[in-house]
Every structure is written in structure tokens, then in C-alpha cells.
Amino acid sequence: MQVNACGSMFCAFFTGEPVHNLADAMKSDRARFAKFFHGMLENGVYLAPSQFEAGFISTAHTAADLEKTISSAAKVLRTL
């Protein structure tokens, strides 16, 4: 998984190569991203439904929110 970020925005791509542009993003495994998205949703973590959309972290997110997201991601990634 490659994670691109700018400030509080982030986006994850299932690829072994850096993602610098749309052509790079199109090479990523979108089916795997969909499985990750649905797995996170089942664990109560709502992410952008497309890897071509940005996620955002804000001051509204508590330390507990971030911990839940991290632990859910670890759990879901082990199933992929």
C-alpha cells in the first residue's frame, strides 16, 4: 500500500510503486482497495469509497478515533 498525503489529506493505493499521477494510480489494485474499504466499513470506519478521493483528518478526530482506525486497518489488511 502506498499512502500519499498533503497536510491533513491522504489517499491509499494498493500498488508496490510510488503514485505521482493518474497513470500511476490507474496501475493500482482497485479491487483490493474495494475489499479494504468494505472491511473498514464493517469495522465502523468510514473512508472515501474510491481511491481517487481524498480522506481527511481533522481536529474533530480524537486519539481514540485514530487508534480505532489504525487497529481496524491492521485487522483488515491481514485479511487481504
PDB file of N, CA and C in Angstrom:
ATOM      1  N   MET A   1       0.846  -1.170   0.000  1.00  0.00           N
ATOM      2  CA  MET A   1       0.000   0.000   0.000  1.00  0.00           C
ATOM      3  C   MET A   1       0.894   1.236   0.000  1.00  0.00           C
ATOM      4  N   GLN A   2       0.591   2.135  -0.878  1.00  0.00           N
ATOM      5  CA  GLN A   2       1.237   3.446  -0.921  1.00  0.00           C
ATOM      6  C   GLN A   2       0.234   4.461  -0.378  1.00  0.00           C
ATOM      7  N   VAL A   3       0.675   5.307   0.511  1.00  0.00           N
ATOM      8  CA  VAL A   3      -0.203   6.353   1.038  1.00  0.00           C
ATOM      9  C   VAL A   3       0.393   7.699   0.672  1.00  0.00           C
ATOM     10  N   ASN A   4      -0.368   8.474  -0.073  1.00  0.00           N
ATOM     11  CA  ASN A   4       0.036   9.834  -0.412  1.00  0.00           C
ATOM     12  C   ASN A   4      -0.691  10.778   0.530  1.00  0.00           C
ATOM     13  N   ALA A   5       0.000  11.819   0.967  1.00  0.00           N
ATOM     14  CA  ALA A   5      -0.609  12.780   1.884  1.00  0.00           C
ATOM     15  C   ALA A   5      -0.131  14.182   1.569  1.00  0.00           C
ATOM     16  N   CYS A   6      -0.997  15.125   1.851  1.00  0.00           N
ATOM     17  CA  CYS A   6      -0.680  16.544   1.740  1.00  0.00           C
ATOM     18  C   CYS A   6      -1.438  17.231   2.869  1.00  0.00           C
ATOM     19  N   GLY A   7      -0.701  17.681   3.879  1.00  0.00           N
ATOM     20  CA  GLY A   7      -1.368  18.260   5.038  1.00  0.00           C
ATOM     21  C   GLY A   7      -2.226  17.213   5.710  1.00  0.00           C
ATOM     22  N   SER A   8      -3.500  17.512   5.901  1.00  0.00           N
ATOM     23  CA  SER A   8      -4.401  16.571   6.561  1.00  0.00           C
ATOM     24  C   SER A   8      -5.129  15.658   5.579  1.00  0.00           C
ATOM     25  N   MET A   9      -4.830  15.776   4.290  1.00  0.00           N
ATOM     26  CA  MET A   9      -5.465  14.923   3.273  1.00  0.00           C
ATOM     27  C   MET A   9      -4.591  13.706   3.007  1.00  0.00           C
ATOM     28  N   PHE A  10      -5.237  12.581   2.735  1.00  0.00           N
ATOM     29  CA  PHE A  10      -4.482  11.366   2.429  1.00  0.00           C
ATOM     30  C   PHE A  10      -5.267  10.498   1.457  1.00  0.00           C
ATOM     31  N   CYS A  11      -4.558   9.608   0.796  1.00  0.00           N
ATOM     32  CA  CYS A  11      -5.177   8.657  -0.118  1.00  0.00           C
ATOM     33  C   CYS A  11      -4.281   7.426  -0.195  1.00  0.00           C
ATOM     34  N   ALA A  12      -4.894   6.253  -0.156  1.00  0.00           N
ATOM     35  CA  ALA A  12      -4.150   4.993  -0.179  1.00  0.00           C
ATOM     36  C   ALA A  12      -4.336   4.301  -1.523  1.00  0.00           C
ATOM     37  N   PHE A  13      -3.243   3.713  -2.006  1.00  0.00           N
ATOM     38  CA  PHE A  13      -3.254   2.972  -3.268  1.00  0.00           C
ATOM     39  C   PHE A  13      -2.622   1.611  -3.028  1.00  0.00           C
ATOM     40  N   PHE A  14      -3.231   0.566  -3.530  1.00  0.00           N
ATOM     41  CA  PHE A  14      -2.670  -0.779  -3.411  1.00  0.00           C
ATOM     42  C   PHE A  14      -1.782  -1.049  -4.612  1.00  0.00           C
ATOM     43  N   THR A  15      -0.529  -0.663  -4.464  1.00  0.00           N
ATOM     44  CA  THR A  15       0.478  -0.842  -5.502  1.00  0.00           C
ATOM     45  C   THR A  15       1.849  -0.855  -4.831  1.00  0.00           C
ATOM     46  N   GLY A  16       2.796  -1.470  -5.466  1.00  0.00           N
ATOM     47  CA  GLY A  16       4.153  -1.506  -4.946  1.00  0.00           C
ATOM     48  C   GLY A  16       5.007  -0.351  -5.432  1.00  0.00           C
ATOM     49  N   GLU A  17       4.447   0.491  -6.269  1.00  0.00           N
ATOM     50  CA  GLU A  17       5.183   1.613  -6.857  1.00  0.00           C
ATOM     51  C   GLU A  17       4.651   2.935  -6.323  1.00  0.00           C
ATOM     52  N   PRO A  18       5.499   3.961  -6.242  1.00  0.00           N
ATOM     53  CA  PRO A  18       5.021   5.287  -5.843  1.00  0.00           C
ATOM     54  C   PRO A  18       3.946   5.785  -6.812  1.00  0.00           C
ATOM     55  N   VAL A  19       3.022   6.569  -6.297  1.00  0.00           N
ATOM     56  CA  VAL A  19       1.953   7.128  -7.122  1.00  0.00           C
ATOM     57  C   VAL A  19       2.171   8.637  -7.207  1.00  0.00           C
ATOM     58  N   HIS A  20       2.492   9.088  -8.434  1.00  0.00           N
ATOM     59  CA  HIS A  20       2.763  10.511  -8.660  1.00  0.00           C
ATOM     60  C   HIS A  20       1.700  11.174  -9.529  1.00  0.00           C
ATOM     61  N   ASN A  21       0.920  10.356 -10.259  1.00  0.00           N
ATOM     62  CA  ASN A  21      -0.036  10.929 -11.203  1.00  0.00           C
ATOM     63  C   ASN A  21      -1.141   9.904 -11.481  1.00  0.00           C
ATOM     64  N   LEU A  22      -2.082  10.293 -12.312  1.00  0.00           N
ATOM     65  CA  LEU A  22      -3.214   9.418 -12.615  1.00  0.00           C
ATOM     66  C   LEU A  22      -2.767   8.114 -13.263  1.00  0.00           C
ATOM     67  N   ALA A  23      -1.799   8.173 -14.144  1.00  0.00           N
ATOM     68  CA  ALA A  23      -1.324   6.947 -14.800  1.00  0.00           C
ATOM     69  C   ALA A  23      -0.797   5.960 -13.758  1.00  0.00           C
ATOM     70  N   ASP A  24      -0.052   6.462 -12.769  1.00  0.00           N
ATOM     71  CA  ASP A  24       0.449   5.599 -11.692  1.00  0.00           C
ATOM     72  C   ASP A  24      -0.722   5.041 -10.876  1.00  0.00           C
ATOM     73  N   ALA A  25      -1.679   5.889 -10.563  1.00  0.00           N
ATOM     74  CA  ALA A  25      -2.838   5.466  -9.761  1.00  0.00           C
ATOM     75  C   ALA A  25      -3.648   4.396 -10.485  1.00  0.00           C
ATOM     76  N   MET A  26      -3.741   4.507 -11.804  1.00  0.00           N
ATOM     77  CA  MET A  26      -4.525   3.548 -12.580  1.00  0.00           C
ATOM     78  C   MET A  26      -3.901   2.151 -12.568  1.00  0.00           C
ATOM     79  N   LYS A  27      -2.617   2.046 -12.241  1.00  0.00           N
ATOM     80  CA  LYS A  27      -1.945   0.751 -12.177  1.00  0.00           C
ATOM     81  C   LYS A  27      -2.209   0.028 -10.857  1.00  0.00           C
ATOM     82  N   SER A  28      -2.823   0.718  -9.904  1.00  0.00           N
ATOM     83  CA  SER A  28      -3.046   0.117  -8.585  1.00  0.00           C
ATOM     84  C   SER A  28      -4.198  -0.889  -8.625  1.00  0.00           C
ATOM     85  N   ASP A  29      -4.253  -1.703  -7.590  1.00  0.00           N
ATOM     86  CA  ASP A  29      -5.249  -2.773  -7.487  1.00  0.00           C
ATOM     87  C   ASP A  29      -6.536  -2.216  -6.875  1.00  0.00           C
ATOM     88  N   ARG A  30      -7.439  -1.768  -7.751  1.00  0.00           N
ATOM     89  CA  ARG A  30      -8.676  -1.143  -7.278  1.00  0.00           C
ATOM     90  C   ARG A  30      -9.622  -2.144  -6.633  1.00  0.00           C
ATOM     91  N   ALA A  31      -9.573  -3.396  -7.052  1.00  0.00           N
ATOM     92  CA  ALA A  31     -10.405  -4.424  -6.424  1.00  0.00           C
ATOM     93  C   ALA A  31      -9.954  -4.646  -4.974  1.00  0.00           C
ATOM     94  N   ARG A  32      -8.668  -4.622  -4.751  1.00  0.00           N
ATOM     95  CA  ARG A  32      -8.142  -4.776  -3.387  1.00  0.00           C
ATOM     96  C   ARG A  32      -8.533  -3.571  -2.533  1.00  0.00           C
ATOM     97  N   PHE A  33      -8.490  -2.371  -3.129  1.00  0.00           N
ATOM     98  CA  PHE A  33      -8.930  -1.183  -2.401  1.00  0.00           C
ATOM     99  C   PHE A  33     -10.393  -1.341  -2.001  1.00  0.00           C
ATOM    100  N   ALA A  34     -11.228  -1.840  -2.889  1.00  0.00           N
ATOM    101  CA  ALA A  34     -12.644  -2.029  -2.582  1.00  0.00           C
ATOM    102  C   ALA A  34     -12.822  -2.988  -1.413  1.00  0.00           C
ATOM    103  N   LYS A  35     -12.052  -4.067  -1.381  1.00  0.00           N
ATOM    104  CA  LYS A  35     -12.122  -5.007  -0.252  1.00  0.00           C
ATOM    105  C   LYS A  35     -11.688  -4.320   1.040  1.00  0.00           C
ATOM    106  N   PHE A  36     -10.637  -3.499   0.960  1.00  0.00           N
ATOM    107  CA  PHE A  36     -10.167  -2.757   2.133  1.00  0.00           C
ATOM    108  C   PHE A  36     -11.254  -1.792   2.601  1.00  0.00           C
ATOM    109  N   PHE A  37     -11.830  -1.042   1.677  1.00  0.00           N
ATOM    110  CA  PHE A  37     -12.893  -0.088   2.013  1.00  0.00           C
ATOM    111  C   PHE A  37     -14.044  -0.787   2.725  1.00  0.00           C
ATOM    112  N   HIS A  38     -14.529  -1.889   2.169  1.00  0.00           N
ATOM    113  CA  HIS A  38     -15.668  -2.595   2.768  1.00  0.00           C
ATOM    114  C   HIS A  38     -15.298  -3.217   4.111  1.00  0.00           C
ATOM    115  N   GLY A  39     -14.075  -3.706   4.239  1.00  0.00           N
ATOM    116  CA  GLY A  39     -13.625  -4.227   5.517  1.00  0.00           C
ATOM    117  C   GLY A  39     -13.583  -3.149   6.585  1.00  0.00           C
ATOM    118  N   MET A  40     -13.111  -1.983   6.220  1.00  0.00           N
ATOM    119  CA  MET A  40     -13.076  -0.864   7.170  1.00  0.00           C
ATOM    120  C   MET A  40     -14.493  -0.449   7.543  1.00  0.00           C
ATOM    121  N   LEU A  41     -15.370  -0.416   6.562  1.00  0.00           N
ATOM    122  CA  LEU A  41     -16.766  -0.057   6.807  1.00  0.00           C
ATOM    123  C   LEU A  41     -17.399  -1.035   7.786  1.00  0.00           C
ATOM    124  N   GLU A  42     -17.136  -2.319   7.617  1.00  0.00           N
ATOM    125  CA  GLU A  42     -17.662  -3.336   8.532  1.00  0.00           C
ATOM    126  C   GLU A  42     -17.132  -3.161   9.951  1.00  0.00           C
ATOM    127  N   ASN A  43     -15.978  -2.509  10.087  1.00  0.00           N
ATOM    128  CA  ASN A  43     -15.387  -2.244  11.392  1.00  0.00           C
ATOM    129  C   ASN A  43     -15.740  -0.853  11.916  1.00  0.00           C
ATOM    130  N   GLY A  44     -16.673  -0.181  11.245  1.00  0.00           N
ATOM    131  CA  GLY A  44     -17.151   1.116  11.715  1.00  0.00           C
ATOM    132  C   GLY A  44     -16.285   2.304  11.333  1.00  0.00           C
ATOM    133  N   VAL A  45     -15.379   2.109  10.376  1.00  0.00           N
ATOM    134  CA  VAL A  45     -14.525   3.206   9.923  1.00  0.00           C
ATOM    135  C   VAL A  45     -14.955   3.576   8.499  1.00  0.00           C
ATOM    136  N   TYR A  46     -15.398   4.795   8.331  1.00  0.00           N
ATOM    137  CA  TYR A  46     -15.927   5.250   7.056  1.00  0.00           C
ATOM    138  C   TYR A  46     -14.849   6.024   6.297  1.00  0.00           C
ATOM    139  N   LEU A  47     -14.370   5.463   5.203  1.00  0.00           N
ATOM    140  CA  LEU A  47     -13.378   6.096   4.345  1.00  0.00           C
ATOM    141  C   LEU A  47     -14.035   6.522   3.042  1.00  0.00           C
ATOM    142  N   ALA A  48     -13.318   7.336   2.268  1.00  0.00           N
ATOM    143  CA  ALA A  48     -13.801   7.671   0.928  1.00  0.00           C
ATOM    144  C   ALA A  48     -13.921   6.368   0.139  1.00  0.00           C
ATOM    145  N   PRO A  49     -15.015   6.158  -0.595  1.00  0.00           N
ATOM    146  CA  PRO A  49     -15.254   4.875  -1.265  1.00  0.00           C
ATOM    147  C   PRO A  49     -14.413   4.627  -2.506  1.00  0.00           C
ATOM    148  N   SER A  50     -13.639   5.594  -2.930  1.00  0.00           N
ATOM    149  CA  SER A  50     -12.799   5.426  -4.117  1.00  0.00           C
ATOM    150  C   SER A  50     -11.385   5.851  -3.772  1.00  0.00           C
ATOM    151  N   GLN A  51     -10.418   5.141  -4.306  1.00  0.00           N
ATOM    152  CA  GLN A  51      -9.044   5.547  -4.052  1.00  0.00           C
ATOM    153  C   GLN A  51      -8.677   6.807  -4.824  1.00  0.00           C
ATOM    154  N   PHE A  52      -9.601   7.320  -5.603  1.00  0.00           N
ATOM    155  CA  PHE A  52      -9.360   8.572  -6.316  1.00  0.00           C
ATOM    156  C   PHE A  52      -9.968   9.762  -5.576  1.00  0.00           C
ATOM    157  N   GLU A  53     -10.397   9.536  -4.345  1.00  0.00           N
ATOM    158  CA  GLU A  53     -10.917  10.591  -3.481  1.00  0.00           C
ATOM    159  C   GLU A  53      -9.996  10.707  -2.272  1.00  0.00           C
ATOM    160  N   ALA A  54      -9.961  11.871  -1.674  1.00  0.00           N
ATOM    161  CA  ALA A  54      -9.091  12.088  -0.519  1.00  0.00           C
ATOM    162  C   ALA A  54      -9.836  11.816   0.783  1.00  0.00           C
ATOM    163  N   GLY A  55      -9.076  11.317   1.764  1.00  0.00           N
ATOM    164  CA  GLY A  55      -9.560  11.234   3.130  1.00  0.00           C
ATOM    165  C   GLY A  55      -9.009  12.427   3.885  1.00  0.00           C
ATOM    166  N   PHE A  56      -9.635  12.773   4.981  1.00  0.00           N
ATOM    167  CA  PHE A  56      -9.209  13.944   5.747  1.00  0.00           C
ATOM    168  C   PHE A  56      -9.137  13.605   7.222  1.00  0.00           C
ATOM    169  N   ILE A  57      -8.110  14.086   7.886  1.00  0.00           N
ATOM    170  CA  ILE A  57      -8.018  14.029   9.339  1.00  0.00           C
ATOM    171  C   ILE A  57      -8.235  15.459   9.822  1.00  0.00           C
ATOM    172  N   SER A  58      -9.012  15.603  10.893  1.00  0.00           N
ATOM    173  CA  SER A  58      -9.265  16.946  11.411  1.00  0.00           C
ATOM    174  C   SER A  58      -9.157  16.954  12.931  1.00  0.00           C
ATOM    175  N   THR A  59      -9.266  18.131  13.498  1.00  0.00           N
ATOM    176  CA  THR A  59      -9.220  18.255  14.957  1.00  0.00           C
ATOM    177  C   THR A  59     -10.451  17.644  15.609  1.00  0.00           C
ATOM    178  N   ALA A  60     -11.454  17.309  14.823  1.00  0.00           N
ATOM    179  CA  ALA A  60     -12.635  16.627  15.370  1.00  0.00           C
ATOM    180  C   ALA A  60     -12.330  15.169  15.696  1.00  0.00           C
ATOM    181  N   HIS A  61     -11.269  14.609  15.087  1.00  0.00           N
ATOM    182  CA  HIS A  61     -10.886  13.223  15.347  1.00  0.00           C
ATOM    183  C   HIS A  61     -10.097  13.150  16.654  1.00  0.00           C
ATOM    184  N   THR A  62     -10.545  12.296  17.536  1.00  0.00           N
ATOM    185  CA  THR A  62      -9.874  12.132  18.825  1.00  0.00           C
ATOM    186  C   THR A  62      -8.770  11.080  18.704  1.00  0.00           C
ATOM    187  N   ALA A  63      -7.967  10.994  19.744  1.00  0.00           N
ATOM    188  CA  ALA A  63      -6.933   9.949  19.780  1.00  0.00           C
ATOM    189  C   ALA A  63      -7.589   8.576  19.695  1.00  0.00           C
ATOM    190  N   ALA A  64      -8.744   8.416  20.322  1.00  0.00           N
ATOM    191  CA  ALA A  64      -9.466   7.132  20.259  1.00  0.00           C
ATOM    192  C   ALA A  64      -9.929   6.837  18.833  1.00  0.00           C
ATOM    193  N   ASP A  65     -10.375   7.862  18.109  1.00  0.00           N
ATOM    194  CA  ASP A  65     -10.787   7.680  16.709  1.00  0.00           C
ATOM    195  C   ASP A  65      -9.604   7.187  15.874  1.00  0.00           C
ATOM    196  N   LEU A  66      -8.461   7.819  16.060  1.00  0.00           N
ATOM    197  CA  LEU A  66      -7.278   7.433  15.292  1.00  0.00           C
ATOM    198  C   LEU A  66      -6.830   6.023  15.654  1.00  0.00           C
ATOM    199  N   GLU A  67      -6.869   5.675  16.933  1.00  0.00           N
ATOM    200  CA  GLU A  67      -6.483   4.329  17.359  1.00  0.00           C
ATOM    201  C   GLU A  67      -7.425   3.285  16.767  1.00  0.00           C
ATOM    202  N   LYS A  68      -8.728   3.578  16.755  1.00  0.00           N
ATOM    203  CA  LYS A  68      -9.703   2.651  16.164  1.00  0.00           C
ATOM    204  C   LYS A  68      -9.412   2.471  14.677  1.00  0.00           C
ATOM    205  N   THR A  69      -9.097   3.550  13.997  1.00  0.00           N
ATOM    206  CA  THR A  69      -8.790   3.480  12.574  1.00  0.00           C
ATOM    207  C   THR A  69      -7.544   2.641  12.324  1.00  0.00           C
ATOM    208  N   ILE A  70      -6.504   2.868  13.105  1.00  0.00           N
ATOM    209  CA  ILE A  70      -5.253   2.131  12.946  1.00  0.00           C
ATOM    210  C   ILE A  70      -5.451   0.645  13.241  1.00  0.00           C
ATOM    211  N   SER A  71      -6.136   0.333  14.338  1.00  0.00           N
ATOM    212  CA  SER A  71      -6.332  -1.081  14.680  1.00  0.00           C
ATOM    213  C   SER A  71      -7.253  -1.766  13.678  1.00  0.00           C
ATOM    214  N   SER A  72      -8.257  -1.056  13.188  1.00  0.00           N
ATOM    215  CA  SER A  72      -9.144  -1.628  12.166  1.00  0.00           C
ATOM    216  C   SER A  72      -8.386  -1.873  10.870  1.00  0.00           C
ATOM    217  N   ALA A  73      -7.544  -0.933  10.480  1.00  0.00           N
ATOM    218  CA  ALA A  73      -6.768  -1.091   9.246  1.00  0.00           C
ATOM    219  C   ALA A  73      -5.840  -2.294   9.365  1.00  0.00           C
ATOM    220  N   ALA A  74      -5.188  -2.441  10.499  1.00  0.00           N
ATOM    221  CA  ALA A  74      -4.291  -3.593  10.686  1.00  0.00           C
ATOM    222  C   ALA A  74      -5.074  -4.900  10.572  1.00  0.00           C
ATOM    223  N   LYS A  75      -6.249  -4.941  11.174  1.00  0.00           N
ATOM    224  CA  LYS A  75      -7.099  -6.126  11.134  1.00  0.00           C
ATOM    225  C   LYS A  75      -7.527  -6.446   9.688  1.00  0.00           C
ATOM    226  N   VAL A  76      -8.001  -5.428   8.984  1.00  0.00           N
ATOM    227  CA  VAL A  76      -8.487  -5.627   7.611  1.00  0.00           C
ATOM    228  C   VAL A  76      -7.334  -5.996   6.671  1.00  0.00           C
ATOM    229  N   LEU A  77      -6.199  -5.332   6.821  1.00  0.00           N
ATOM    230  CA  LEU A  77      -5.065  -5.616   5.926  1.00  0.00           C
ATOM    231  C   LEU A  77      -4.602  -7.061   6.054  1.00  0.00           C
ATOM    232  N   ARG A  78      -4.721  -7.632   7.246  1.00  0.00           N
ATOM    233  CA  ARG A  78      -4.325  -9.039   7.414  1.00  0.00           C
ATOM    234  C   ARG A  78      -5.225  -9.985   6.630  1.00  0.00           C
ATOM    235  N   THR A  79      -6.420  -9.544   6.246  1.00  0.00           N
ATOM    236  CA  THR A  79      -7.356 -10.415   5.521  1.00  0.00           C
ATOM    237  C   THR A  79      -7.196 -10.308   4.011  1.00  0.00           C
ATOM    238  N   LEU A  80      -6.424  -9.343   3.542  1.00  0.00           N
ATOM    239  CA  LEU A  80      -6.321  -9.120   2.089  1.00  0.00           C
ATOM    240  C   LEU A  80      -5.264  -9.999   1.450  1.00  0.00           C
TER     241      LEU A  80
END
